[in-house]
Amino acid sequence: MSTHKSLIYLVCVATAGCIATLTAQQPSPMIVVQPANTAPAAAPAAAAPSSGESAVAAAIKTLEQVKAANDATLKKQEAMLQQLDELQKAAEQLKVFSKRV
């Protein structure tokens, strides 16, 4: 009789393991969230310039626009890093003061 109970227990454990494995392998839906503070991507030129010089000029203009957008992003990031540093210093001071009490 004890062999019969062991067999039932083993089957139940194996079934539970299979069920857990099957539900764990379900793919989760992929959600893509765009960053809130991004500059819009530079739109490509609608018409291709006819001469080589105008193509180079257009490429330079596009690169300058991209550089300006990158500079603006870097300034925002630098300001954010300064704010984070200030918050970290304030948190450290609060931690020190809380130990004194």
N, C-alpha and C. Protein backbone atom coordinates (compact mmCIF):
# COMPACT_ATOMS: atom_id res chain seq x y z
N MET A 1 0.81 -1.18 0.00
CA MET A 1 0.00 0.00 0.00
C MET A 1 0.86 1.25 0.00
N SER A 2 1.99 1.22 0.69
CA SER A 2 2.85 2.39 0.74
C SER A 2 3.48 2.65 -0.61
N THR A 3 3.71 1.64 -1.41
CA THR A 3 4.24 1.81 -2.76
C THR A 3 3.22 2.51 -3.63
N HIS A 4 1.97 2.19 -3.42
CA HIS A 4 0.89 2.82 -4.17
C HIS A 4 0.82 4.33 -3.84
N LYS A 5 0.93 4.68 -2.56
CA LYS A 5 0.91 6.08 -2.15
C LYS A 5 2.13 6.83 -2.70
N SER A 6 3.28 6.17 -2.69
CA SER A 6 4.50 6.80 -3.22
C SER A 6 4.36 7.07 -4.71
N LEU A 7 3.75 6.11 -5.42
CA LEU A 7 3.56 6.28 -6.86
C LEU A 7 2.61 7.45 -7.15
N ILE A 8 1.54 7.56 -6.39
CA ILE A 8 0.60 8.67 -6.57
C ILE A 8 1.29 10.00 -6.26
N TYR A 9 2.07 10.04 -5.19
CA TYR A 9 2.79 11.26 -4.82
C TYR A 9 3.77 11.65 -5.94
N LEU A 10 4.50 10.68 -6.48
CA LEU A 10 5.46 10.93 -7.54
C LEU A 10 4.77 11.46 -8.80
N VAL A 11 3.62 10.90 -9.14
CA VAL A 11 2.87 11.35 -10.31
C VAL A 11 2.36 12.78 -10.09
N CYS A 12 1.89 13.08 -8.89
CA CYS A 12 1.41 14.43 -8.59
C CYS A 12 2.55 15.45 -8.69
N VAL A 13 3.70 15.11 -8.15
CA VAL A 13 4.85 16.02 -8.21
C VAL A 13 5.29 16.22 -9.66
N ALA A 14 5.35 15.16 -10.43
CA ALA A 14 5.75 15.26 -11.83
C ALA A 14 4.74 16.12 -12.62
N THR A 15 3.46 15.93 -12.36
CA THR A 15 2.42 16.72 -13.04
C THR A 15 2.54 18.19 -12.68
N ALA A 16 2.76 18.49 -11.40
CA ALA A 16 2.91 19.88 -10.98
C ALA A 16 4.14 20.51 -11.62
N GLY A 17 5.21 19.74 -11.71
CA GLY A 17 6.42 20.25 -12.37
C GLY A 17 6.20 20.54 -13.84
N CYS A 18 5.46 19.69 -14.51
CA CYS A 18 5.16 19.92 -15.93
C CYS A 18 4.28 21.14 -16.11
N ILE A 19 3.29 21.30 -15.25
CA ILE A 19 2.40 22.46 -15.35
C ILE A 19 3.18 23.75 -15.11
N ALA A 20 4.07 23.74 -14.11
CA ALA A 20 4.86 24.93 -13.83
C ALA A 20 5.77 25.27 -15.00
N THR A 21 6.32 24.27 -15.63
CA THR A 21 7.20 24.50 -16.78
C THR A 21 6.42 25.04 -17.97
N LEU A 22 5.24 24.52 -18.19
CA LEU A 22 4.45 24.97 -19.33
C LEU A 22 4.00 26.42 -19.17
N THR A 23 3.59 26.81 -17.98
CA THR A 23 3.15 28.19 -17.79
C THR A 23 4.33 29.15 -17.78
N ALA A 24 5.51 28.68 -17.38
CA ALA A 24 6.68 29.55 -17.34
C ALA A 24 7.19 29.86 -18.74
N GLN A 25 6.88 29.04 -19.70
CA GLN A 25 7.40 29.24 -21.04
C GLN A 25 6.48 30.06 -21.92
N GLN A 26 5.41 30.60 -21.38
CA GLN A 26 4.53 31.45 -22.17
C GLN A 26 5.25 32.75 -22.46
N PRO A 27 5.26 33.19 -23.71
CA PRO A 27 5.96 34.43 -24.02
C PRO A 27 5.18 35.63 -23.48
N SER A 28 5.92 36.56 -22.91
CA SER A 28 5.26 37.76 -22.41
C SER A 28 5.18 38.77 -23.56
N PRO A 29 4.14 39.57 -23.59
CA PRO A 29 4.02 40.54 -24.67
C PRO A 29 5.12 41.59 -24.57
N MET A 30 5.71 41.94 -25.70
CA MET A 30 6.78 42.93 -25.71
C MET A 30 6.18 44.32 -25.87
N ILE A 31 6.47 45.17 -24.92
CA ILE A 31 5.97 46.54 -24.95
C ILE A 31 7.18 47.46 -25.11
N VAL A 32 7.14 48.31 -26.11
CA VAL A 32 8.22 49.25 -26.36
C VAL A 32 7.73 50.63 -25.99
N VAL A 33 8.45 51.26 -25.06
CA VAL A 33 8.08 52.59 -24.59
C VAL A 33 9.16 53.56 -25.05
N GLN A 34 8.75 54.61 -25.74
CA GLN A 34 9.70 55.60 -26.22
C GLN A 34 10.08 56.53 -25.07
N PRO A 35 11.33 56.97 -25.01
CA PRO A 35 11.74 57.91 -23.98
C PRO A 35 10.98 59.22 -24.12
N ALA A 36 10.71 59.88 -22.99
CA ALA A 36 9.90 61.09 -23.01
C ALA A 36 10.69 62.31 -23.46
N ASN A 37 11.99 62.36 -23.19
CA ASN A 37 12.76 63.56 -23.45
C ASN A 37 13.68 63.44 -24.66
N THR A 38 13.24 62.78 -25.69
CA THR A 38 14.09 62.65 -26.86
C THR A 38 13.72 63.67 -27.91
N ALA A 39 14.73 64.11 -28.62
CA ALA A 39 14.49 65.03 -29.72
C ALA A 39 14.00 64.21 -30.91
N PRO A 40 13.10 64.74 -31.71
CA PRO A 40 12.64 63.99 -32.86
C PRO A 40 13.78 63.73 -33.83
N ALA A 41 13.74 62.57 -34.44
CA ALA A 41 14.79 62.20 -35.38
C ALA A 41 14.76 63.13 -36.58
N ALA A 42 15.95 63.44 -37.09
CA ALA A 42 16.03 64.32 -38.25
C ALA A 42 15.44 63.60 -39.46
N ALA A 43 14.55 64.28 -40.15
CA ALA A 43 13.90 63.68 -41.31
C ALA A 43 14.86 63.69 -42.49
N PRO A 44 14.94 62.61 -43.22
CA PRO A 44 15.82 62.59 -44.38
C PRO A 44 15.32 63.56 -45.45
N ALA A 45 16.23 64.00 -46.27
CA ALA A 45 15.88 64.95 -47.34
C ALA A 45 14.88 64.29 -48.28
N ALA A 46 13.85 65.04 -48.67
CA ALA A 46 12.80 64.49 -49.51
C ALA A 46 13.30 64.23 -50.92
N ALA A 47 14.04 65.15 -51.47
CA ALA A 47 14.54 64.99 -52.84
C ALA A 47 16.06 64.96 -52.82
N ALA A 48 16.64 64.07 -53.58
CA ALA A 48 18.08 63.98 -53.65
C ALA A 48 18.63 65.14 -54.47
N PRO A 49 19.65 65.85 -53.96
CA PRO A 49 20.22 66.96 -54.73
C PRO A 49 20.83 66.46 -56.03
N SER A 50 20.80 67.32 -57.02
CA SER A 50 21.25 66.90 -58.34
C SER A 50 22.76 66.92 -58.47
N SER A 51 23.45 67.87 -57.84
CA SER A 51 24.89 67.94 -58.01
C SER A 51 25.60 67.43 -56.76
N GLY A 52 26.87 67.11 -56.90
CA GLY A 52 27.67 66.58 -55.80
C GLY A 52 27.87 67.60 -54.70
N GLU A 53 28.04 68.88 -55.08
CA GLU A 53 28.27 69.91 -54.07
C GLU A 53 27.03 70.12 -53.21
N SER A 54 25.87 70.10 -53.83
CA SER A 54 24.65 70.29 -53.05
C SER A 54 24.39 69.08 -52.15
N ALA A 55 24.82 67.90 -52.56
CA ALA A 55 24.67 66.70 -51.73
C ALA A 55 25.56 66.82 -50.50
N VAL A 56 26.78 67.31 -50.70
CA VAL A 56 27.69 67.48 -49.57
C VAL A 56 27.15 68.56 -48.63
N ALA A 57 26.64 69.65 -49.21
CA ALA A 57 26.08 70.73 -48.39
C ALA A 57 24.88 70.23 -47.58
N ALA A 58 24.04 69.44 -48.20
CA ALA A 58 22.88 68.89 -47.49
C ALA A 58 23.33 67.95 -46.38
N ALA A 59 24.36 67.14 -46.65
CA ALA A 59 24.86 66.22 -45.63
C ALA A 59 25.45 67.00 -44.46
N ILE A 60 26.19 68.07 -44.76
CA ILE A 60 26.77 68.89 -43.70
C ILE A 60 25.67 69.54 -42.88
N LYS A 61 24.64 70.03 -43.54
CA LYS A 61 23.53 70.67 -42.82
C LYS A 61 22.84 69.67 -41.90
N THR A 62 22.63 68.47 -42.40
CA THR A 62 22.00 67.42 -41.59
C THR A 62 22.87 67.07 -40.40
N LEU A 63 24.17 66.95 -40.62
CA LEU A 63 25.08 66.63 -39.53
C LEU A 63 25.11 67.74 -38.48
N GLU A 64 25.03 68.99 -38.92
CA GLU A 64 24.99 70.10 -37.97
C GLU A 64 23.71 70.06 -37.14
N GLN A 65 22.61 69.69 -37.77
CA GLN A 65 21.35 69.57 -37.02
C GLN A 65 21.44 68.45 -35.98
N VAL A 66 22.04 67.34 -36.39
CA VAL A 66 22.19 66.21 -35.46
C VAL A 66 23.11 66.60 -34.32
N LYS A 67 24.20 67.31 -34.64
CA LYS A 67 25.14 67.75 -33.61
C LYS A 67 24.46 68.70 -32.63
N ALA A 68 23.64 69.61 -33.14
CA ALA A 68 22.92 70.53 -32.25
C ALA A 68 21.97 69.77 -31.34
N ALA A 69 21.28 68.78 -31.88
CA ALA A 69 20.37 67.98 -31.06
C ALA A 69 21.14 67.20 -30.00
N ASN A 70 22.31 66.66 -30.38
CA ASN A 70 23.14 65.92 -29.42
C ASN A 70 23.66 66.84 -28.32
N ASP A 71 24.06 68.05 -28.70
CA ASP A 71 24.54 69.01 -27.70
C ASP A 71 23.45 69.36 -26.71
N ALA A 72 22.24 69.56 -27.21
CA ALA A 72 21.11 69.86 -26.32
C ALA A 72 20.85 68.70 -25.37
N THR A 73 20.92 67.49 -25.88
CA THR A 73 20.71 66.31 -25.04
C THR A 73 21.79 66.21 -23.98
N LEU A 74 23.04 66.49 -24.36
CA LEU A 74 24.14 66.43 -23.40
C LEU A 74 23.98 67.47 -22.30
N LYS A 75 23.49 68.65 -22.66
CA LYS A 75 23.26 69.69 -21.65
C LYS A 75 22.18 69.25 -20.67
N LYS A 76 21.11 68.65 -21.19
CA LYS A 76 20.04 68.16 -20.32
C LYS A 76 20.56 67.08 -19.38
N GLN A 77 21.39 66.17 -19.93
CA GLN A 77 21.92 65.09 -19.11
C GLN A 77 22.86 65.62 -18.04
N GLU A 78 23.66 66.64 -18.39
CA GLU A 78 24.58 67.23 -17.41
C GLU A 78 23.79 67.89 -16.28
N ALA A 79 22.73 68.60 -16.62
CA ALA A 79 21.89 69.23 -15.59
C ALA A 79 21.26 68.17 -14.70
N MET A 80 20.81 67.08 -15.29
CA MET A 80 20.20 66.00 -14.52
C MET A 80 21.23 65.36 -13.59
N LEU A 81 22.47 65.18 -14.06
CA LEU A 81 23.51 64.60 -13.22
C LEU A 81 23.83 65.52 -12.05
N GLN A 82 23.83 66.82 -12.27
CA GLN A 82 24.07 67.75 -11.18
C GLN A 82 22.96 67.66 -10.13
N GLN A 83 21.71 67.55 -10.59
CA GLN A 83 20.60 67.41 -9.66
C GLN A 83 20.72 66.12 -8.87
N LEU A 84 21.13 65.04 -9.55
CA LEU A 84 21.28 63.76 -8.86
C LEU A 84 22.40 63.82 -7.83
N ASP A 85 23.49 64.52 -8.16
CA ASP A 85 24.58 64.68 -7.20
C ASP A 85 24.11 65.45 -5.97
N GLU A 86 23.33 66.51 -6.18
CA GLU A 86 22.80 67.28 -5.06
C GLU A 86 21.87 66.43 -4.20
N LEU A 87 21.04 65.63 -4.84
CA LEU A 87 20.14 64.74 -4.09
C LEU A 87 20.94 63.71 -3.28
N GLN A 88 22.00 63.20 -3.88
CA GLN A 88 22.82 62.21 -3.18
C GLN A 88 23.49 62.84 -1.97
N LYS A 89 24.01 64.07 -2.12
CA LYS A 89 24.63 64.75 -0.99
C LYS A 89 23.61 65.01 0.11
N ALA A 90 22.41 65.43 -0.28
CA ALA A 90 21.36 65.67 0.71
C ALA A 90 20.98 64.37 1.43
N ALA A 91 20.91 63.28 0.69
CA ALA A 91 20.58 61.98 1.30
C ALA A 91 21.66 61.55 2.27
N GLU A 92 22.93 61.79 1.92
CA GLU A 92 24.02 61.43 2.82
C GLU A 92 23.97 62.27 4.09
N GLN A 93 23.67 63.56 3.95
CA GLN A 93 23.55 64.41 5.13
C GLN A 93 22.40 63.96 6.02
N LEU A 94 21.29 63.62 5.41
CA LEU A 94 20.14 63.14 6.16
C LEU A 94 20.48 61.85 6.90
N LYS A 95 21.25 61.00 6.24
CA LYS A 95 21.66 59.74 6.85
C LYS A 95 22.54 60.00 8.07
N VAL A 96 23.46 60.96 7.95
CA VAL A 96 24.35 61.29 9.05
C VAL A 96 23.55 61.88 10.21
N PHE A 97 22.63 62.81 9.90
CA PHE A 97 21.84 63.44 10.95
C PHE A 97 20.90 62.46 11.62
N SER A 98 20.40 61.50 10.87
CA SER A 98 19.48 60.52 11.47
C SER A 98 20.21 59.59 12.43
N LYS A 99 21.50 59.36 12.23
CA LYS A 99 22.27 58.51 13.14
C LYS A 99 22.54 59.22 14.45
N ARG A 100 22.57 60.54 14.42
CA ARG A 100 22.86 61.31 15.63
C ARG A 100 21.69 61.30 16.60
N VAL A 101 20.51 61.10 16.10
CA VAL A 101 19.33 61.17 16.95
C VAL A 101 19.14 59.95 17.74
